Structures are given as structure tokens and as C-alpha cells.
Amino acid sequence: MMNLRILNRLRGSVVNVLRASRFSSSVEGTGAKEINTEPNSRPIIDPDVNPLMKTRELKLLPKFSEPRQAWIETLNCIDDKIIGLTTLHPEVFGVGPRIDMIHLNVKWQRNIRYVSFAHAKTRHEMPGTRRKPRPQKGLGMSRHGDLRSPLFTKTGGVAHGPRSPTPHFFVLSIWERIIGLTSTLSIKHAQDDLHIVDSLDIPTENKGYIQDLVEARKWGPSVLMVDVRILSGFHK
């Protein structure tokens, strides 16, 4: 078993080295060439477009962490085509995942909009008479003031029951939000669920184009598209 594991690891490392050498040779040339990859692997470079190596100036880089890299895709066609490579900040897309912080952020987001309307009437809100059901003494029975007491299950109210509306909002600190966001982005990047595109412009006005693209590229049942544009000094 150990020998088989070692052979599998060596085989994977050799395949990665071959892919890296082919990618570097295609980038050094004047035009991008199509590379034959495995059937289940993603395409390396779009053969119709020159490879785009987008390098960004990352500020406040940690001393012992390297920038993460991600493919740049395009939405000009339904097929999965990669046109380049970009760098990502390791403190945003390469941190250790905190599952507890992710769960806390999800709970916080759900409870922001959650208001409970469960309501139970007290003895003062129940309809009916306020008369005393029986004399205070002389019958050998328990003493009661009226039939709306919580001791009477049919005509009485509820003691310490839920009151509406009850909001479940709580304040989450900014640091807990940042840790939850960076952990989520790091997990999505590690699972290859984070896709970076050169532009959100699509070549057609057909409403089903995005749906067909998501199904063809197998992005999953739900997709969130985020566009950041700087206009007049504000992020929108």
C-alpha cells in the first residue's frame, strides 16, 4: 500500500511539472498554443487569445506567505476558457479556515431579518368573565380568583409565554465579520469554486445565456457575481 501511494504521488508531481513546463513555454512564445491536457482537466489557455498575466501590487504582504494565484476566465463564450493568471492576497484568499466564525456569520445574517411572531395571551388578555368561580372557603377545594388564571387550561392564559414581535438580531464585531469573510473566500478558492473573470459583459442579451453558461461550466446550483467599480472615490 505504501509503495502504491508513493508511486501515485510521484506520478502526480511529474504531471504537474509537465503542465508547468508546457504553460511556461506557451507564455514565452509570441502566441498562445493549445495544450493537450487530460479529459477531466480544465483548459490551460484560450487558443484564440494571448495569455494575460495580470500582476497586481499587493500591499502589506506577510513575511512568510506567498501570494495566491487564480485563473482569469471570460464570459464571451459558454465553454470554459481561461485567458490568463492573476495574483491574490494571501491574507484574504489563503488564511486558515475558521468554521466556527463562518457558522457565526451565517447565523448573524439569518437573524438580522428574522422576527418571531409567536404570541401567547396572558390572563389579562383572555376573553371571559372575571368573576370568582367558587367561594373562597367552605367547599374544601382550591382557591381561585377567576377563570382566566393559567391554572385553567381551557379558559386561562399562558404564564411566561412567547410575546411578539421578538427580534433575534445581535451585534457582530467587525473583526468577526472579517475573519468569517476571509475564511469563506479561502475555502472557496481552495475548492476551485472562486472564479475570476476579465469582465461581466456578455455578448448577447438573451436571458438564458448566464444560466446556460453556469450549467455548462458546472459552477453549482447558486452563483453570486460581485462587481467592484470605483466611481468618484466610492466603491459600488
C-alpha atoms as a PDB file:
ATOM      1  CA  MET A   1       0.000   0.000   0.000  1.00  0.00           C
ATOM      2  CA  MET A   2       2.799   2.433   0.850  1.00  0.00           C
ATOM      3  CA  ASN A   3       4.549   1.758  -2.477  1.00  0.00           C
ATOM      4  CA  LEU A   4       1.343   2.423  -4.408  1.00  0.00           C
ATOM      5  CA  ARG A   5       0.812   5.707  -2.554  1.00  0.00           C
ATOM      6  CA  ILE A   6       4.375   6.810  -3.284  1.00  0.00           C
ATOM      7  CA  LEU A   7       4.010   5.922  -6.978  1.00  0.00           C
ATOM      8  CA  ASN A   8       0.733   7.856  -7.204  1.00  0.00           C
ATOM      9  CA  ARG A   9       2.316  10.921  -5.612  1.00  0.00           C
ATOM     10  CA  LEU A  10       5.316  10.735  -7.952  1.00  0.00           C
ATOM     11  CA  ARG A  11       3.032  10.373 -10.945  1.00  0.00           C
ATOM     12  CA  GLY A  12       1.021  13.432  -9.879  1.00  0.00           C
ATOM     13  CA  SER A  13       4.165  15.512  -9.346  1.00  0.00           C
ATOM     14  CA  VAL A  14       5.513  14.548 -12.793  1.00  0.00           C
ATOM     15  CA  VAL A  15       2.206  15.513 -14.432  1.00  0.00           C
ATOM     16  CA  ASN A  16       2.236  18.894 -12.615  1.00  0.00           C
ATOM     17  CA  VAL A  17       5.817  19.563 -13.727  1.00  0.00           C
ATOM     18  CA  LEU A  18       4.921  18.761 -17.341  1.00  0.00           C
ATOM     19  CA  ARG A  19       1.918  21.059 -17.188  1.00  0.00           C
ATOM     20  CA  ALA A  20       4.004  23.882 -15.707  1.00  0.00           C
ATOM     21  CA  SER A  21       6.732  23.479 -18.357  1.00  0.00           C
ATOM     22  CA  ARG A  22       4.185  23.496 -21.182  1.00  0.00           C
ATOM     23  CA  PHE A  23       2.473  26.552 -19.726  1.00  0.00           C
ATOM     24  CA  SER A  24       5.749  28.478 -19.385  1.00  0.00           C
ATOM     25  CA  SER A  25       6.805  27.598 -22.928  1.00  0.00           C
ATOM     26  CA  SER A  26       3.449  28.780 -24.303  1.00  0.00           C
ATOM     27  CA  VAL A  27       3.671  32.070 -22.385  1.00  0.00           C
ATOM     28  CA  GLU A  28       7.197  32.791 -23.611  1.00  0.00           C
ATOM     29  CA  GLY A  29       6.147  32.453 -27.244  1.00  0.00           C
ATOM     30  CA  THR A  30       4.519  35.149 -29.317  1.00  0.00           C
ATOM     31  CA  GLY A  31       1.129  33.449 -29.447  1.00  0.00           C
ATOM     32  CA  ALA A  32      -0.694  31.046 -27.172  1.00  0.00           C
ATOM     33  CA  LYS A  33      -0.881  27.457 -28.308  1.00  0.00           C
ATOM     34  CA  GLU A  34      -3.426  24.867 -27.380  1.00  0.00           C
ATOM     35  CA  ILE A  35      -2.123  22.295 -24.927  1.00  0.00           C
ATOM     36  CA  ASN A  36      -3.380  18.726 -24.762  1.00  0.00           C
ATOM     37  CA  THR A  37      -4.475  18.017 -21.210  1.00  0.00           C
ATOM     38  CA  GLU A  38      -6.328  15.198 -19.549  1.00  0.00           C
ATOM     39  CA  PRO A  39     -10.020  14.774 -20.429  1.00  0.00           C
ATOM     40  CA  ASN A  40     -11.236  15.785 -16.944  1.00  0.00           C
ATOM     41  CA  SER A  41      -8.842  18.712 -16.503  1.00  0.00           C
ATOM     42  CA  ARG A  42      -9.702  22.329 -17.226  1.00  0.00           C
ATOM     43  CA  PRO A  43      -8.208  24.086 -20.291  1.00  0.00           C
ATOM     44  CA  ILE A  44      -4.995  25.968 -19.618  1.00  0.00           C
ATOM     45  CA  ILE A  45      -5.091  28.832 -22.131  1.00  0.00           C
ATOM     46  CA  ASP A  46      -7.630  30.024 -24.641  1.00  0.00           C
ATOM     47  CA  PRO A  47      -6.037  29.304 -28.044  1.00  0.00           C
ATOM     48  CA  ASP A  48      -7.717  32.324 -29.634  1.00  0.00           C
ATOM     49  CA  VAL A  49      -6.394  34.917 -27.178  1.00  0.00           C
ATOM     50  CA  ASN A  50      -2.863  35.648 -26.000  1.00  0.00           C
ATOM     51  CA  PRO A  51      -2.310  34.715 -22.349  1.00  0.00           C
ATOM     52  CA  LEU A  52      -2.951  37.545 -19.933  1.00  0.00           C
ATOM     53  CA  MET A  53      -0.556  37.586 -16.971  1.00  0.00           C
ATOM     54  CA  LYS A  54      -2.176  40.189 -14.731  1.00  0.00           C
ATOM     55  CA  THR A  55       0.162  41.071 -11.870  1.00  0.00           C
ATOM     56  CA  ARG A  56      -1.064  43.378  -9.146  1.00  0.00           C
ATOM     57  CA  GLU A  57       0.796  45.264  -6.462  1.00  0.00           C
ATOM     58  CA  LEU A  58      -0.267  43.607  -3.229  1.00  0.00           C
ATOM     59  CA  LYS A  59       0.234  45.725  -0.131  1.00  0.00           C
ATOM     60  CA  LEU A  60       1.070  44.558   3.398  1.00  0.00           C
ATOM     61  CA  LEU A  61       2.184  41.113   2.369  1.00  0.00           C
ATOM     62  CA  PRO A  62       3.103  38.764   5.231  1.00  0.00           C
ATOM     63  CA  LYS A  63       6.745  37.787   5.510  1.00  0.00           C
ATOM     64  CA  PHE A  64       6.380  34.021   5.206  1.00  0.00           C
ATOM     65  CA  SER A  65       3.388  33.740   2.850  1.00  0.00           C
ATOM     66  CA  GLU A  66       3.375  33.732  -0.921  1.00  0.00           C
ATOM     67  CA  PRO A  67       0.597  35.370  -2.984  1.00  0.00           C
ATOM     68  CA  ARG A  68      -2.090  33.015  -4.195  1.00  0.00           C
ATOM     69  CA  GLN A  69      -2.766  32.584  -7.909  1.00  0.00           C
ATOM     70  CA  ALA A  70      -6.045  32.172  -9.746  1.00  0.00           C
ATOM     71  CA  TRP A  71      -7.096  31.735 -13.370  1.00  0.00           C
ATOM     72  CA  ILE A  72      -8.749  34.576 -15.264  1.00  0.00           C
ATOM     73  CA  GLU A  73     -11.780  33.419 -17.233  1.00  0.00           C
ATOM     74  CA  THR A  74     -14.015  35.101 -19.779  1.00  0.00           C
ATOM     75  CA  LEU A  75     -17.788  35.256 -20.250  1.00  0.00           C
ATOM     76  CA  ASN A  76     -17.619  35.749 -24.028  1.00  0.00           C
ATOM     77  CA  CYS A  77     -18.495  32.103 -24.653  1.00  0.00           C
ATOM     78  CA  ILE A  78     -20.340  29.355 -22.856  1.00  0.00           C
ATOM     79  CA  ASP A  79     -17.380  26.960 -22.860  1.00  0.00           C
ATOM     80  CA  ASP A  80     -14.850  27.150 -20.039  1.00  0.00           C
ATOM     81  CA  LYS A  81     -11.934  29.196 -21.425  1.00  0.00           C
ATOM     82  CA  ILE A  82      -9.040  30.590 -19.406  1.00  0.00           C
ATOM     83  CA  ILE A  83      -7.222  33.638 -20.751  1.00  0.00           C
ATOM     84  CA  GLY A  84      -4.650  34.331 -18.057  1.00  0.00           C
ATOM     85  CA  LEU A  85      -3.433  34.261 -14.494  1.00  0.00           C
ATOM     86  CA  THR A  86      -3.617  36.751 -11.614  1.00  0.00           C
ATOM     87  CA  THR A  87      -2.325  37.026  -8.063  1.00  0.00           C
ATOM     88  CA  LEU A  88      -4.411  37.232  -4.887  1.00  0.00           C
ATOM     89  CA  HIS A  89      -3.543  38.439  -1.407  1.00  0.00           C
ATOM     90  CA  PRO A  90      -2.688  35.533   0.922  1.00  0.00           C
ATOM     91  CA  GLU A  91      -4.350  37.134   3.953  1.00  0.00           C
ATOM     92  CA  VAL A  92      -7.677  37.226   2.117  1.00  0.00           C
ATOM     93  CA  PHE A  93      -7.607  34.094  -0.058  1.00  0.00           C
ATOM     94  CA  GLY A  94      -5.080  31.943   1.814  1.00  0.00           C
ATOM     95  CA  VAL A  95      -5.905  32.046   5.527  1.00  0.00           C
ATOM     96  CA  GLY A  96      -6.639  29.077   7.758  1.00  0.00           C
ATOM     97  CA  PRO A  97     -10.377  28.349   7.676  1.00  0.00           C
ATOM     98  CA  ARG A  98     -12.361  29.097  10.839  1.00  0.00           C
ATOM     99  CA  ILE A  99     -15.518  27.008  10.623  1.00  0.00           C
ATOM    100  CA  ASP A 100     -16.844  28.489  13.873  1.00  0.00           C
ATOM    101  CA  MET A 101     -16.577  32.035  12.511  1.00  0.00           C
ATOM    102  CA  ILE A 102     -18.282  31.038   9.266  1.00  0.00           C
ATOM    103  CA  HIS A 103     -21.149  29.493  11.237  1.00  0.00           C
ATOM    104  CA  LEU A 104     -21.389  32.609  13.429  1.00  0.00           C
ATOM    105  CA  ASN A 105     -21.576  34.870  10.359  1.00  0.00           C
ATOM    106  CA  VAL A 106     -24.255  32.707   8.746  1.00  0.00           C
ATOM    107  CA  LYS A 107     -26.283  32.762  11.967  1.00  0.00           C
ATOM    108  CA  TRP A 108     -25.850  36.545  12.215  1.00  0.00           C
ATOM    109  CA  GLN A 109     -27.032  37.060   8.623  1.00  0.00           C
ATOM    110  CA  ARG A 110     -30.100  34.889   9.160  1.00  0.00           C
ATOM    111  CA  ASN A 111     -31.070  36.502  12.461  1.00  0.00           C
ATOM    112  CA  ILE A 112     -30.833  40.036  11.060  1.00  0.00           C
ATOM    113  CA  ARG A 113     -34.063  39.532   9.104  1.00  0.00           C
ATOM    114  CA  TYR A 114     -35.724  37.044  11.469  1.00  0.00           C
ATOM    115  CA  VAL A 115     -38.548  38.271  13.679  1.00  0.00           C
ATOM    116  CA  SER A 116     -40.611  35.814  15.678  1.00  0.00           C
ATOM    117  CA  PHE A 117     -44.365  36.447  15.695  1.00  0.00           C
ATOM    118  CA  ALA A 118     -45.209  33.671  18.151  1.00  0.00           C
ATOM    119  CA  HIS A 119     -47.616  35.142  20.673  1.00  0.00           C
ATOM    120  CA  ALA A 120     -49.386  33.737  23.712  1.00  0.00           C
ATOM    121  CA  LYS A 121     -52.088  35.623  25.600  1.00  0.00           C
ATOM    122  CA  THR A 122     -51.695  36.305  29.280  1.00  0.00           C
ATOM    123  CA  ARG A 123     -54.523  36.057  31.809  1.00  0.00           C
ATOM    124  CA  HIS A 124     -55.323  39.737  31.287  1.00  0.00           C
ATOM    125  CA  GLU A 125     -55.753  39.311  27.518  1.00  0.00           C
ATOM    126  CA  MET A 126     -58.049  36.292  27.650  1.00  0.00           C
ATOM    127  CA  PRO A 127     -61.767  36.884  26.987  1.00  0.00           C
ATOM    128  CA  GLY A 128     -64.362  35.921  29.588  1.00  0.00           C
ATOM    129  CA  THR A 129     -65.719  36.967  32.934  1.00  0.00           C
ATOM    130  CA  ARG A 130     -63.668  37.993  35.918  1.00  0.00           C
ATOM    131  CA  ARG A 131     -65.970  36.518  38.488  1.00  0.00           C
ATOM    132  CA  LYS A 132     -64.757  34.177  41.186  1.00  0.00           C
ATOM    133  CA  PRO A 133     -65.517  30.556  40.174  1.00  0.00           C
ATOM    134  CA  ARG A 134     -66.449  29.454  43.717  1.00  0.00           C
ATOM    135  CA  PRO A 135     -66.364  30.712  47.282  1.00  0.00           C
ATOM    136  CA  GLN A 136     -63.048  31.176  48.982  1.00  0.00           C
ATOM    137  CA  LYS A 137     -63.873  28.801  51.846  1.00  0.00           C
ATOM    138  CA  GLY A 138     -66.395  26.170  52.784  1.00  0.00           C
ATOM    139  CA  LEU A 139     -66.177  23.729  49.863  1.00  0.00           C
ATOM    140  CA  GLY A 140     -62.834  22.103  50.654  1.00  0.00           C
ATOM    141  CA  MET A 141     -61.450  22.955  47.211  1.00  0.00           C
ATOM    142  CA  SER A 142     -58.553  25.042  45.967  1.00  0.00           C
ATOM    143  CA  ARG A 143     -58.829  28.823  45.943  1.00  0.00           C
ATOM    144  CA  HIS A 144     -59.039  30.724  42.628  1.00  0.00           C
ATOM    145  CA  GLY A 145     -59.591  34.331  41.753  1.00  0.00           C
ATOM    146  CA  ASP A 146     -61.082  33.952  38.243  1.00  0.00           C
ATOM    147  CA  LEU A 147     -61.332  31.511  35.344  1.00  0.00           C
ATOM    148  CA  ARG A 148     -58.620  33.300  33.337  1.00  0.00           C
ATOM    149  CA  SER A 149     -55.886  32.042  35.639  1.00  0.00           C
ATOM    150  CA  PRO A 150     -53.107  29.985  33.953  1.00  0.00           C
ATOM    151  CA  LEU A 151     -54.203  27.041  36.087  1.00  0.00           C
ATOM    152  CA  PHE A 152     -57.274  26.632  33.869  1.00  0.00           C
ATOM    153  CA  THR A 153     -56.019  25.224  30.547  1.00  0.00           C
ATOM    154  CA  LYS A 154     -59.195  25.934  28.534  1.00  0.00           C
ATOM    155  CA  THR A 155     -60.199  29.407  29.689  1.00  0.00           C
ATOM    156  CA  GLY A 156     -56.947  30.643  31.264  1.00  0.00           C
ATOM    157  CA  GLY A 157     -53.986  32.465  29.805  1.00  0.00           C
ATOM    158  CA  VAL A 158     -50.336  31.381  29.488  1.00  0.00           C
ATOM    159  CA  ALA A 159     -47.723  32.325  32.050  1.00  0.00           C
ATOM    160  CA  HIS A 160     -44.304  33.369  30.655  1.00  0.00           C
ATOM    161  CA  GLY A 161     -45.300  32.545  27.066  1.00  0.00           C
ATOM    162  CA  PRO A 162     -43.761  33.993  23.888  1.00  0.00           C
ATOM    163  CA  ARG A 163     -44.529  37.608  23.053  1.00  0.00           C
ATOM    164  CA  SER A 164     -44.463  39.106  19.584  1.00  0.00           C
ATOM    165  CA  PRO A 165     -42.783  40.669  17.744  1.00  0.00           C
ATOM    166  CA  THR A 166     -39.478  39.312  19.051  1.00  0.00           C
ATOM    167  CA  PRO A 167     -36.352  40.230  17.039  1.00  0.00           C
ATOM    168  CA  HIS A 168     -33.315  37.934  17.183  1.00  0.00           C
ATOM    169  CA  PHE A 169     -30.766  40.491  15.980  1.00  0.00           C
ATOM    170  CA  PHE A 170     -27.391  40.647  17.709  1.00  0.00           C
ATOM    171  CA  VAL A 171     -24.308  42.742  17.022  1.00  0.00           C
ATOM    172  CA  LEU A 172     -21.303  41.037  15.435  1.00  0.00           C
ATOM    173  CA  SER A 173     -17.951  42.770  15.725  1.00  0.00           C
ATOM    174  CA  ILE A 174     -16.105  43.902  12.605  1.00  0.00           C
ATOM    175  CA  TRP A 175     -13.212  41.516  13.284  1.00  0.00           C
ATOM    176  CA  GLU A 176     -15.516  38.510  13.450  1.00  0.00           C
ATOM    177  CA  ARG A 177     -17.057  39.571  10.138  1.00  0.00           C
ATOM    178  CA  ILE A 178     -13.626  39.924   8.507  1.00  0.00           C
ATOM    179  CA  ILE A 179     -12.464  36.512   9.772  1.00  0.00           C
ATOM    180  CA  GLY A 180     -15.659  34.875   8.527  1.00  0.00           C
ATOM    181  CA  LEU A 181     -15.366  36.536   5.108  1.00  0.00           C
ATOM    182  CA  THR A 182     -11.687  35.705   4.599  1.00  0.00           C
ATOM    183  CA  SER A 183     -12.244  32.120   5.759  1.00  0.00           C
ATOM    184  CA  THR A 184     -15.095  31.707   3.275  1.00  0.00           C
ATOM    185  CA  LEU A 185     -13.082  33.174   0.394  1.00  0.00           C
ATOM    186  CA  SER A 186     -10.088  30.975   1.242  1.00  0.00           C
ATOM    187  CA  ILE A 187     -12.248  27.841   1.297  1.00  0.00           C
ATOM    188  CA  LYS A 188     -13.918  28.748  -1.994  1.00  0.00           C
ATOM    189  CA  HIS A 189     -10.521  29.391  -3.597  1.00  0.00           C
ATOM    190  CA  ALA A 190      -9.102  26.089  -2.291  1.00  0.00           C
ATOM    191  CA  GLN A 191     -12.149  24.156  -3.572  1.00  0.00           C
ATOM    192  CA  ASP A 192     -11.904  25.818  -7.024  1.00  0.00           C
ATOM    193  CA  ASP A 193     -15.304  27.467  -6.522  1.00  0.00           C
ATOM    194  CA  LEU A 194     -13.943  31.012  -6.870  1.00  0.00           C
ATOM    195  CA  HIS A 195     -13.941  32.201 -10.490  1.00  0.00           C
ATOM    196  CA  ILE A 196     -12.382  35.491 -11.621  1.00  0.00           C
ATOM    197  CA  VAL A 197     -13.468  36.939 -14.963  1.00  0.00           C
ATOM    198  CA  ASP A 198     -11.993  39.754 -17.006  1.00  0.00           C
ATOM    199  CA  SER A 199     -15.371  41.460 -17.385  1.00  0.00           C
ATOM    200  CA  LEU A 200     -19.036  40.852 -16.621  1.00  0.00           C
ATOM    201  CA  ASP A 201     -20.074  41.933 -20.115  1.00  0.00           C
ATOM    202  CA  ILE A 202     -21.789  39.195 -22.108  1.00  0.00           C
ATOM    203  CA  PRO A 203     -22.038  39.070 -25.915  1.00  0.00           C
ATOM    204  CA  THR A 204     -25.821  38.651 -26.048  1.00  0.00           C
ATOM    205  CA  GLU A 205     -28.982  39.991 -24.431  1.00  0.00           C
ATOM    206  CA  ASN A 206     -30.529  36.553 -24.100  1.00  0.00           C
ATOM    207  CA  LYS A 207     -31.739  35.983 -20.551  1.00  0.00           C
ATOM    208  CA  GLY A 208     -30.840  32.293 -20.611  1.00  0.00           C
ATOM    209  CA  TYR A 209     -27.197  32.867 -21.578  1.00  0.00           C
ATOM    210  CA  ILE A 210     -25.916  33.089 -17.995  1.00  0.00           C
ATOM    211  CA  GLN A 211     -27.940  30.049 -16.948  1.00  0.00           C
ATOM    212  CA  ASP A 212     -26.580  28.009 -19.856  1.00  0.00           C
ATOM    213  CA  LEU A 213     -23.049  29.186 -19.030  1.00  0.00           C
ATOM    214  CA  VAL A 214     -23.368  28.187 -15.372  1.00  0.00           C
ATOM    215  CA  GLU A 215     -24.735  24.760 -16.296  1.00  0.00           C
ATOM    216  CA  ALA A 216     -22.053  24.165 -18.939  1.00  0.00           C
ATOM    217  CA  ARG A 217     -19.198  25.118 -16.608  1.00  0.00           C
ATOM    218  CA  LYS A 218     -20.762  23.263 -13.638  1.00  0.00           C
ATOM    219  CA  TRP A 219     -20.494  26.192 -11.241  1.00  0.00           C
ATOM    220  CA  GLY A 220     -23.162  24.765  -8.943  1.00  0.00           C
ATOM    221  CA  PRO A 221     -26.822  25.386  -8.083  1.00  0.00           C
ATOM    222  CA  SER A 222     -26.247  29.001  -6.961  1.00  0.00           C
ATOM    223  CA  VAL A 223     -23.806  31.645  -8.206  1.00  0.00           C
ATOM    224  CA  LEU A 224     -23.011  35.045  -6.692  1.00  0.00           C
ATOM    225  CA  MET A 225     -21.475  37.603  -9.058  1.00  0.00           C
ATOM    226  CA  VAL A 226     -19.635  40.530  -7.474  1.00  0.00           C
ATOM    227  CA  ASP A 227     -18.575  43.567  -9.497  1.00  0.00           C
ATOM    228  CA  VAL A 228     -16.342  46.253  -7.991  1.00  0.00           C
ATOM    229  CA  ARG A 229     -16.169  49.581  -9.756  1.00  0.00           C
ATOM    230  CA  ILE A 230     -14.554  52.744  -8.432  1.00  0.00           C
ATOM    231  CA  LEU A 231     -16.620  55.798  -9.311  1.00  0.00           C
ATOM    232  CA  SER A 232     -15.883  59.206  -7.804  1.00  0.00           C
ATOM    233  CA  GLY A 233     -13.888  57.643  -4.973  1.00  0.00           C
ATOM    234  CA  PHE A 234     -16.688  55.310  -3.830  1.00  0.00           C
ATOM    235  CA  HIS A 235     -16.872  51.521  -4.147  1.00  0.00           C
ATOM    236  CA  LYS A 236     -20.130  50.395  -5.722  1.00  0.00           C
END
